[in-house]
Amino acid sequence: MTLKECKKEEKADREFQKKFKFEGNIHVLTRMMVDPAVMEKRGGGKNLPLRRGEILDVIQFTNQEQILCRNSQRRCKCVGAEAVPA
């Protein structure tokens, strides 16, 4: 990675921590694939846009209905639990 890419990732991580009031380092718990049968959804607010078969990094299981995830563009938002099979 170049220095510019590193700084961009660090900035995105700081913004994520500020937005979600997340304390400490960001650790990926696991990776999950979006269910291929789910309808593609546009993001908005605190929801991440979903594409069929996309691989997401799970950062935190917030509650029974929402999972805090990061996609390949390093966007961090919540995803409905029904979109990613357990």
Protein backbone atom coordinates (compact mmCIF):
# COMPACT_ATOMS: atom_id res chain seq x y z
CA MET A 1 0.00 0.00 0.00
CA THR A 2 1.13 3.49 -0.69
CA LEU A 3 1.30 6.19 1.94
CA LYS A 4 -1.72 7.93 0.40
CA GLU A 5 -3.84 4.77 0.62
CA CYS A 6 -2.78 4.20 4.25
CA LYS A 7 -3.78 7.72 5.25
CA LYS A 8 -7.10 7.36 3.44
CA GLU A 9 -7.87 4.13 5.33
CA GLU A 10 -6.88 5.69 8.66
CA LYS A 11 -9.18 8.64 7.98
CA ALA A 12 -12.07 6.31 7.09
CA ASP A 13 -11.49 4.36 10.32
CA ARG A 14 -11.52 7.56 12.40
CA GLU A 15 -14.76 8.69 10.76
CA PHE A 16 -16.30 5.28 11.43
CA GLN A 17 -15.31 5.43 15.11
CA LYS A 18 -16.79 8.90 15.43
CA LYS A 19 -20.04 8.08 13.61
CA PHE A 20 -20.81 4.86 15.49
CA LYS A 21 -19.19 5.91 18.81
CA PHE A 22 -16.91 2.89 18.48
CA GLU A 23 -14.09 2.69 21.03
CA GLY A 24 -10.73 1.00 20.39
CA ASN A 25 -9.33 -0.64 17.29
CA ILE A 26 -11.53 -2.07 14.56
CA HIS A 27 -11.24 -5.86 14.50
CA VAL A 28 -12.97 -7.98 11.88
CA LEU A 29 -14.81 -10.79 13.66
CA THR A 30 -15.64 -12.80 10.55
CA ARG A 31 -16.48 -12.46 6.87
CA MET A 32 -19.92 -13.24 5.47
CA MET A 33 -21.41 -13.33 2.01
CA VAL A 34 -24.69 -11.57 1.29
CA ASP A 35 -27.39 -14.13 0.50
CA PRO A 36 -27.64 -14.54 -3.31
CA ALA A 37 -31.44 -14.77 -3.03
CA VAL A 38 -31.86 -11.41 -1.28
CA MET A 39 -33.08 -8.42 -3.25
CA GLU A 40 -30.41 -5.81 -3.93
CA LYS A 41 -30.97 -2.74 -1.77
CA ARG A 42 -29.81 0.83 -2.02
CA GLY A 43 -28.15 2.14 1.10
CA GLY A 44 -29.21 5.14 3.03
CA GLY A 45 -28.97 6.54 6.51
CA LYS A 46 -27.18 3.91 8.53
CA ASN A 47 -27.81 1.02 6.13
CA LEU A 48 -25.20 -0.39 3.78
CA PRO A 49 -26.12 -0.93 0.10
CA LEU A 50 -26.33 -4.64 -0.64
CA ARG A 51 -25.33 -6.58 -3.74
CA ARG A 52 -25.98 -10.27 -4.17
CA GLY A 53 -22.99 -12.44 -3.29
CA GLU A 54 -20.92 -9.53 -1.93
CA ILE A 55 -18.41 -10.38 0.81
CA LEU A 56 -18.75 -8.25 3.97
CA ASP A 57 -16.42 -7.93 6.97
CA VAL A 58 -18.42 -8.27 10.20
CA ILE A 59 -17.20 -5.79 12.81
CA GLN A 60 -19.86 -6.12 15.50
CA PHE A 61 -23.13 -7.96 16.13
CA THR A 62 -25.18 -5.02 17.45
CA ASN A 63 -28.48 -6.81 18.13
CA GLN A 64 -30.72 -9.55 16.72
CA GLU A 65 -31.76 -7.48 13.69
CA GLN A 66 -28.62 -5.48 12.79
CA ILE A 67 -24.98 -6.34 12.11
CA LEU A 68 -22.27 -3.68 11.76
CA CYS A 69 -20.36 -4.50 8.54
CA ARG A 70 -17.76 -3.09 6.16
CA ASN A 71 -17.85 -3.67 2.39
CA SER A 72 -15.04 -3.79 -0.16
CA GLN A 73 -15.10 0.02 -0.56
CA ARG A 74 -14.43 0.27 3.24
CA ARG A 75 -17.86 1.75 3.89
CA CYS A 76 -19.07 0.80 7.37
CA LYS A 77 -22.78 0.66 8.08
CA CYS A 78 -25.43 -1.64 9.47
CA VAL A 79 -26.92 -4.58 7.56
CA GLY A 80 -30.13 -6.42 8.36
CA ALA A 81 -29.50 -9.89 9.79
CA GLU A 82 -31.86 -11.46 7.23
CA ALA A 83 -29.47 -10.46 4.39
CA VAL A 84 -26.57 -12.56 5.67
CA PRO A 85 -27.32 -16.20 6.48
CA ALA A 86 -25.99 -17.50 9.77
